[in-house]
């Protein structure tokens, strides 16, 4: 049994054109949240893709509830020391830097909520498409809890949409729907649902 066969939260498929399709479907949860175990599994997927690089990687959600709602905030309650806090930040920082550095093109297919760490993961991809529906929301709401986007978002967001718009999102927690995300350049395009399902 290879490492990919042991995954509980991610499903990796390769199509005949050489594209890799990675579906995030967190086990035992109605929503996709990034936890220690889901991120460890993502690292395992990247290991496999390092060994056999695809022509491109598409990351999508297996949940009808949206892309990724952010980090699993329940894990924050288990942090008892500054060292544990730094380790949590380093885990996401290092993993998303690794995703951003892969040589093959990466695309986040965003539908519904793309929040906090989910937006930071999407920003680590080279390209982003958002489903053009009223429910789309891209935001960094953790700032309302006094938490900064420490998994690379604080660097990548200004690089993508410029400092003024990025500061607005990072200081207020204000989100963007599909139309605004496209206008800001936060996503490369907003597309109808039928094209995301093709």
C-alpha atoms as a PDB file:
ATOM      1  CA  UNK A   1       0.000   0.000   0.000  1.00  0.00           C
ATOM      2  CA  UNK A   2       1.461   3.349  -0.989  1.00  0.00           C
ATOM      3  CA  UNK A   3       1.109   6.503   1.069  1.00  0.00           C
ATOM      4  CA  UNK A   4      -1.649   7.930  -1.142  1.00  0.00           C
ATOM      5  CA  UNK A   5      -3.866   4.933  -0.404  1.00  0.00           C
ATOM      6  CA  UNK A   6      -3.836   5.782   3.299  1.00  0.00           C
ATOM      7  CA  UNK A   7      -5.245   9.296   2.869  1.00  0.00           C
ATOM      8  CA  UNK A   8      -8.512  10.091   4.637  1.00  0.00           C
ATOM      9  CA  UNK A   9      -9.075  13.699   3.582  1.00  0.00           C
ATOM     10  CA  UNK A  10      -7.594  14.111   0.103  1.00  0.00           C
ATOM     11  CA  UNK A  11      -8.118  12.204  -3.147  1.00  0.00           C
ATOM     12  CA  UNK A  12      -5.553  12.438  -5.949  1.00  0.00           C
ATOM     13  CA  UNK A  13      -6.448  11.417  -9.483  1.00  0.00           C
ATOM     14  CA  UNK A  14      -4.501  11.770 -12.707  1.00  0.00           C
ATOM     15  CA  UNK A  15      -6.199  12.160 -16.063  1.00  0.00           C
ATOM     16  CA  UNK A  16      -4.918  10.945 -19.451  1.00  0.00           C
ATOM     17  CA  UNK A  17      -3.612  14.456 -20.253  1.00  0.00           C
ATOM     18  CA  UNK A  18      -1.221  14.334 -17.322  1.00  0.00           C
ATOM     19  CA  UNK A  19      -3.177  16.689 -15.066  1.00  0.00           C
ATOM     20  CA  UNK A  20      -3.461  15.846 -11.382  1.00  0.00           C
ATOM     21  CA  UNK A  21      -6.820  16.542  -9.709  1.00  0.00           C
ATOM     22  CA  UNK A  22      -6.641  16.881  -5.937  1.00  0.00           C
ATOM     23  CA  UNK A  23      -9.971  16.861  -4.101  1.00  0.00           C
ATOM     24  CA  UNK A  24     -10.192  17.990  -0.473  1.00  0.00           C
ATOM     25  CA  UNK A  25     -13.031  16.232   1.351  1.00  0.00           C
ATOM     26  CA  UNK A  26     -12.342  16.290   5.072  1.00  0.00           C
ATOM     27  CA  UNK A  27     -13.555  13.050   6.634  1.00  0.00           C
ATOM     28  CA  UNK A  28     -16.215  13.288   9.330  1.00  0.00           C
ATOM     29  CA  UNK A  29     -16.939  16.955   8.700  1.00  0.00           C
ATOM     30  CA  UNK A  30     -19.557  18.928   6.802  1.00  0.00           C
ATOM     31  CA  UNK A  31     -16.944  21.530   5.860  1.00  0.00           C
ATOM     32  CA  UNK A  32     -13.315  21.556   4.792  1.00  0.00           C
ATOM     33  CA  UNK A  33     -11.116  22.982   7.543  1.00  0.00           C
ATOM     34  CA  UNK A  34      -7.340  22.764   7.648  1.00  0.00           C
ATOM     35  CA  UNK A  35      -6.169  20.745  10.632  1.00  0.00           C
ATOM     36  CA  UNK A  36      -2.872  19.115  11.573  1.00  0.00           C
ATOM     37  CA  UNK A  37      -3.886  15.821   9.976  1.00  0.00           C
ATOM     38  CA  UNK A  38      -5.288  17.326   6.768  1.00  0.00           C
ATOM     39  CA  UNK A  39      -2.121  19.366   6.300  1.00  0.00           C
ATOM     40  CA  UNK A  40       0.102  16.362   6.990  1.00  0.00           C
ATOM     41  CA  UNK A  41      -1.794  14.508   4.271  1.00  0.00           C
ATOM     42  CA  UNK A  42      -1.340  17.433   1.877  1.00  0.00           C
ATOM     43  CA  UNK A  43       2.408  17.183   2.484  1.00  0.00           C
ATOM     44  CA  UNK A  44       2.189  13.477   1.596  1.00  0.00           C
ATOM     45  CA  UNK A  45       0.429  14.384  -1.663  1.00  0.00           C
ATOM     46  CA  UNK A  46       3.149  16.908  -2.514  1.00  0.00           C
ATOM     47  CA  UNK A  47       5.760  14.215  -1.839  1.00  0.00           C
ATOM     48  CA  UNK A  48       4.057  11.958  -4.384  1.00  0.00           C
ATOM     49  CA  UNK A  49       3.835  14.778  -6.923  1.00  0.00           C
ATOM     50  CA  UNK A  50       7.522  15.571  -6.401  1.00  0.00           C
ATOM     51  CA  UNK A  51       8.306  11.962  -7.306  1.00  0.00           C
ATOM     52  CA  UNK A  52       6.060  12.037 -10.406  1.00  0.00           C
ATOM     53  CA  UNK A  53       5.382  15.653 -11.387  1.00  0.00           C
ATOM     54  CA  UNK A  54       2.116  16.235 -13.241  1.00  0.00           C
ATOM     55  CA  UNK A  55       1.638  18.633 -16.137  1.00  0.00           C
ATOM     56  CA  UNK A  56      -0.508  20.669 -13.763  1.00  0.00           C
ATOM     57  CA  UNK A  57      -2.329  20.384 -10.443  1.00  0.00           C
ATOM     58  CA  UNK A  58      -5.963  21.366  -9.867  1.00  0.00           C
ATOM     59  CA  UNK A  59      -7.123  21.654  -6.246  1.00  0.00           C
ATOM     60  CA  UNK A  60     -10.866  21.519  -5.622  1.00  0.00           C
ATOM     61  CA  UNK A  61     -13.384  20.800  -2.883  1.00  0.00           C
ATOM     62  CA  UNK A  62     -15.387  17.649  -2.446  1.00  0.00           C
ATOM     63  CA  UNK A  63     -17.869  19.486  -0.213  1.00  0.00           C
ATOM     64  CA  UNK A  64     -21.048  21.205  -1.364  1.00  0.00           C
ATOM     65  CA  UNK A  65     -20.467  23.687   1.468  1.00  0.00           C
ATOM     66  CA  UNK A  66     -17.526  25.374  -0.222  1.00  0.00           C
ATOM     67  CA  UNK A  67     -13.792  25.298  -0.836  1.00  0.00           C
ATOM     68  CA  UNK A  68     -12.102  25.669   2.579  1.00  0.00           C
ATOM     69  CA  UNK A  69     -13.487  27.556   5.587  1.00  0.00           C
ATOM     70  CA  UNK A  70     -10.029  28.114   7.063  1.00  0.00           C
ATOM     71  CA  UNK A  71      -8.015  26.564   9.836  1.00  0.00           C
ATOM     72  CA  UNK A  72      -9.579  24.227  12.365  1.00  0.00           C
ATOM     73  CA  UNK A  73      -9.998  26.759  15.168  1.00  0.00           C
ATOM     74  CA  UNK A  74     -10.616  23.951  17.673  1.00  0.00           C
ATOM     75  CA  UNK A  75      -6.888  23.254  17.503  1.00  0.00           C
ATOM     76  CA  UNK A  76      -6.158  26.787  18.698  1.00  0.00           C
ATOM     77  CA  UNK A  77      -7.670  25.933  22.089  1.00  0.00           C
ATOM     78  CA  UNK A  78      -5.030  23.225  22.501  1.00  0.00           C
ATOM     79  CA  UNK A  79      -2.143  25.704  22.251  1.00  0.00           C
ATOM     80  CA  UNK A  80      -0.599  26.163  25.686  1.00  0.00           C
ATOM     81  CA  UNK A  81       2.834  27.606  24.949  1.00  0.00           C
ATOM     82  CA  UNK A  82       4.349  30.147  22.547  1.00  0.00           C
ATOM     83  CA  UNK A  83       6.346  27.302  21.022  1.00  0.00           C
ATOM     84  CA  UNK A  84       3.175  25.428  20.112  1.00  0.00           C
ATOM     85  CA  UNK A  85       1.791  28.574  18.512  1.00  0.00           C
ATOM     86  CA  UNK A  86       4.947  29.091  16.480  1.00  0.00           C
ATOM     87  CA  UNK A  87       4.869  25.440  15.392  1.00  0.00           C
ATOM     88  CA  UNK A  88       1.278  25.821  14.142  1.00  0.00           C
ATOM     89  CA  UNK A  89       2.201  28.908  12.126  1.00  0.00           C
ATOM     90  CA  UNK A  90       5.365  27.270  10.766  1.00  0.00           C
ATOM     91  CA  UNK A  91       3.410  24.198   9.658  1.00  0.00           C
ATOM     92  CA  UNK A  92       1.166  26.212   7.330  1.00  0.00           C
ATOM     93  CA  UNK A  93       3.889  28.672   6.310  1.00  0.00           C
ATOM     94  CA  UNK A  94       6.268  25.896   5.217  1.00  0.00           C
ATOM     95  CA  UNK A  95       3.591  23.798   3.522  1.00  0.00           C
ATOM     96  CA  UNK A  96       2.149  26.663   1.493  1.00  0.00           C
ATOM     97  CA  UNK A  97       5.616  27.908   0.539  1.00  0.00           C
ATOM     98  CA  UNK A  98       6.278  24.413  -0.724  1.00  0.00           C
ATOM     99  CA  UNK A  99       3.067  24.455  -2.772  1.00  0.00           C
ATOM    100  CA  UNK A 100       3.925  27.888  -4.187  1.00  0.00           C
ATOM    101  CA  UNK A 101       7.365  26.676  -5.265  1.00  0.00           C
ATOM    102  CA  UNK A 102       6.377  23.607  -7.308  1.00  0.00           C
ATOM    103  CA  UNK A 103       7.513  23.732 -10.940  1.00  0.00           C
ATOM    104  CA  UNK A 104       4.213  22.667 -12.498  1.00  0.00           C
ATOM    105  CA  UNK A 105       1.214  25.025 -12.799  1.00  0.00           C
ATOM    106  CA  UNK A 106      -1.301  24.950  -9.937  1.00  0.00           C
ATOM    107  CA  UNK A 107      -4.940  26.037  -9.983  1.00  0.00           C
ATOM    108  CA  UNK A 108      -7.411  26.488  -7.130  1.00  0.00           C
ATOM    109  CA  UNK A 109     -11.033  25.892  -8.201  1.00  0.00           C
ATOM    110  CA  UNK A 110     -12.937  27.934  -5.635  1.00  0.00           C
ATOM    111  CA  UNK A 111     -16.608  27.535  -4.918  1.00  0.00           C
ATOM    112  CA  UNK A 112     -18.508  28.941  -1.972  1.00  0.00           C
ATOM    113  CA  UNK A 113     -16.478  29.915   1.070  1.00  0.00           C
ATOM    114  CA  UNK A 114     -12.712  30.373   0.672  1.00  0.00           C
ATOM    115  CA  UNK A 115     -11.698  31.789   4.016  1.00  0.00           C
ATOM    116  CA  UNK A 116      -8.610  32.280   6.144  1.00  0.00           C
ATOM    117  CA  UNK A 117      -6.162  29.459   5.570  1.00  0.00           C
ATOM    118  CA  UNK A 118      -8.258  28.349   2.598  1.00  0.00           C
ATOM    119  CA  UNK A 119      -7.618  31.675   0.888  1.00  0.00           C
ATOM    120  CA  UNK A 120      -3.956  31.420   1.829  1.00  0.00           C
ATOM    121  CA  UNK A 121      -3.804  27.984   0.170  1.00  0.00           C
ATOM    122  CA  UNK A 122      -5.488  29.417  -2.929  1.00  0.00           C
ATOM    123  CA  UNK A 123      -2.988  32.302  -2.971  1.00  0.00           C
ATOM    124  CA  UNK A 124      -0.163  29.748  -2.928  1.00  0.00           C
ATOM    125  CA  UNK A 125      -1.505  28.418  -6.244  1.00  0.00           C
ATOM    126  CA  UNK A 126      -0.389  30.056  -9.470  1.00  0.00           C
ATOM    127  CA  UNK A 127      -3.965  30.487 -10.738  1.00  0.00           C
ATOM    128  CA  UNK A 128      -7.397  30.829  -9.149  1.00  0.00           C
ATOM    129  CA  UNK A 129     -10.896  30.466 -10.611  1.00  0.00           C
ATOM    130  CA  UNK A 130     -14.046  31.214  -8.629  1.00  0.00           C
ATOM    131  CA  UNK A 131     -17.520  29.871  -9.232  1.00  0.00           C
ATOM    132  CA  UNK A 132     -19.732  32.818 -10.159  1.00  0.00           C
ATOM    133  CA  UNK A 133     -22.513  32.282  -7.626  1.00  0.00           C
ATOM    134  CA  UNK A 134     -23.972  34.491  -4.882  1.00  0.00           C
ATOM    135  CA  UNK A 135     -22.475  32.248  -2.195  1.00  0.00           C
ATOM    136  CA  UNK A 136     -18.845  32.851  -3.143  1.00  0.00           C
ATOM    137  CA  UNK A 137     -16.856  34.585  -0.426  1.00  0.00           C
ATOM    138  CA  UNK A 138     -13.096  35.110  -0.273  1.00  0.00           C
ATOM    139  CA  UNK A 139     -11.898  36.637   2.977  1.00  0.00           C
ATOM    140  CA  UNK A 140      -9.469  36.585   5.891  1.00  0.00           C
ATOM    141  CA  UNK A 141     -11.927  36.657   8.812  1.00  0.00           C
ATOM    142  CA  UNK A 142      -9.313  35.486  11.326  1.00  0.00           C
ATOM    143  CA  UNK A 143      -8.211  39.104  11.680  1.00  0.00           C
ATOM    144  CA  UNK A 144     -11.491  39.701  13.552  1.00  0.00           C
ATOM    145  CA  UNK A 145     -10.129  37.300  16.185  1.00  0.00           C
ATOM    146  CA  UNK A 146      -6.797  39.108  16.348  1.00  0.00           C
ATOM    147  CA  UNK A 147      -5.053  36.468  14.217  1.00  0.00           C
ATOM    148  CA  UNK A 148      -3.002  37.570  11.225  1.00  0.00           C
ATOM    149  CA  UNK A 149      -2.801  35.513   8.011  1.00  0.00           C
ATOM    150  CA  UNK A 150       0.433  33.791   8.999  1.00  0.00           C
ATOM    151  CA  UNK A 151       0.545  31.056   6.381  1.00  0.00           C
ATOM    152  CA  UNK A 152       1.891  33.353   3.687  1.00  0.00           C
ATOM    153  CA  UNK A 153      -1.237  35.371   2.981  1.00  0.00           C
ATOM    154  CA  UNK A 154       0.220  38.551   4.430  1.00  0.00           C
ATOM    155  CA  UNK A 155       2.906  38.439   1.713  1.00  0.00           C
ATOM    156  CA  UNK A 156       1.014  36.908  -1.194  1.00  0.00           C
ATOM    157  CA  UNK A 157      -2.174  38.949  -0.970  1.00  0.00           C
ATOM    158  CA  UNK A 158      -0.464  42.354  -1.470  1.00  0.00           C
ATOM    159  CA  UNK A 159       1.592  40.863  -4.301  1.00  0.00           C
ATOM    160  CA  UNK A 160      -1.594  39.743  -6.045  1.00  0.00           C
ATOM    161  CA  UNK A 161      -4.008  42.650  -5.485  1.00  0.00           C
ATOM    162  CA  UNK A 162      -1.770  45.500  -4.327  1.00  0.00           C
ATOM    163  CA  UNK A 163      -1.127  46.862  -0.855  1.00  0.00           C
ATOM    164  CA  UNK A 164      -4.184  49.158  -0.435  1.00  0.00           C
ATOM    165  CA  UNK A 165      -6.772  46.467  -1.255  1.00  0.00           C
ATOM    166  CA  UNK A 166      -4.818  43.827   0.680  1.00  0.00           C
ATOM    167  CA  UNK A 167      -4.598  46.025   3.763  1.00  0.00           C
ATOM    168  CA  UNK A 168      -8.339  46.626   3.580  1.00  0.00           C
ATOM    169  CA  UNK A 169      -8.982  42.877   3.586  1.00  0.00           C
ATOM    170  CA  UNK A 170      -6.365  42.108   6.243  1.00  0.00           C
ATOM    171  CA  UNK A 171      -7.316  44.898   8.658  1.00  0.00           C
ATOM    172  CA  UNK A 172     -11.102  44.672   8.408  1.00  0.00           C
ATOM    173  CA  UNK A 173     -11.797  41.031   7.560  1.00  0.00           C
ATOM    174  CA  UNK A 174     -13.978  42.308   4.714  1.00  0.00           C
ATOM    175  CA  UNK A 175     -14.553  39.694   2.044  1.00  0.00           C
ATOM    176  CA  UNK A 176     -15.027  39.687  -1.701  1.00  0.00           C
ATOM    177  CA  UNK A 177     -17.745  37.984  -3.684  1.00  0.00           C
ATOM    178  CA  UNK A 178     -16.959  36.464  -7.084  1.00  0.00           C
ATOM    179  CA  UNK A 179     -17.432  39.736  -8.968  1.00  0.00           C
ATOM    180  CA  UNK A 180     -15.283  41.795  -6.593  1.00  0.00           C
ATOM    181  CA  UNK A 181     -12.614  39.075  -6.378  1.00  0.00           C
ATOM    182  CA  UNK A 182     -12.283  39.145 -10.170  1.00  0.00           C
ATOM    183  CA  UNK A 183     -12.232  42.956 -10.253  1.00  0.00           C
ATOM    184  CA  UNK A 184      -9.486  43.043  -7.620  1.00  0.00           C
ATOM    185  CA  UNK A 185      -7.419  40.434  -9.484  1.00  0.00           C
ATOM    186  CA  UNK A 186      -7.719  38.090  -6.502  1.00  0.00           C
ATOM    187  CA  UNK A 187      -8.912  35.443  -8.963  1.00  0.00           C
ATOM    188  CA  UNK A 188      -8.034  35.087 -12.620  1.00  0.00           C
ATOM    189  CA  UNK A 189     -11.674  34.696 -13.641  1.00  0.00           C
ATOM    190  CA  UNK A 190     -15.159  34.005 -12.361  1.00  0.00           C
ATOM    191  CA  UNK A 191     -16.779  31.137 -14.195  1.00  0.00           C
ATOM    192  CA  UNK A 192     -20.219  29.543 -14.319  1.00  0.00           C
ATOM    193  CA  UNK A 193     -20.793  26.355 -12.371  1.00  0.00           C
ATOM    194  CA  UNK A 194     -21.085  24.244 -15.528  1.00  0.00           C
ATOM    195  CA  UNK A 195     -17.484  25.046 -16.467  1.00  0.00           C
ATOM    196  CA  UNK A 196     -16.141  24.077 -13.042  1.00  0.00           C
ATOM    197  CA  UNK A 197     -17.850  20.717 -13.377  1.00  0.00           C
ATOM    198  CA  UNK A 198     -16.528  20.011 -16.878  1.00  0.00           C
END
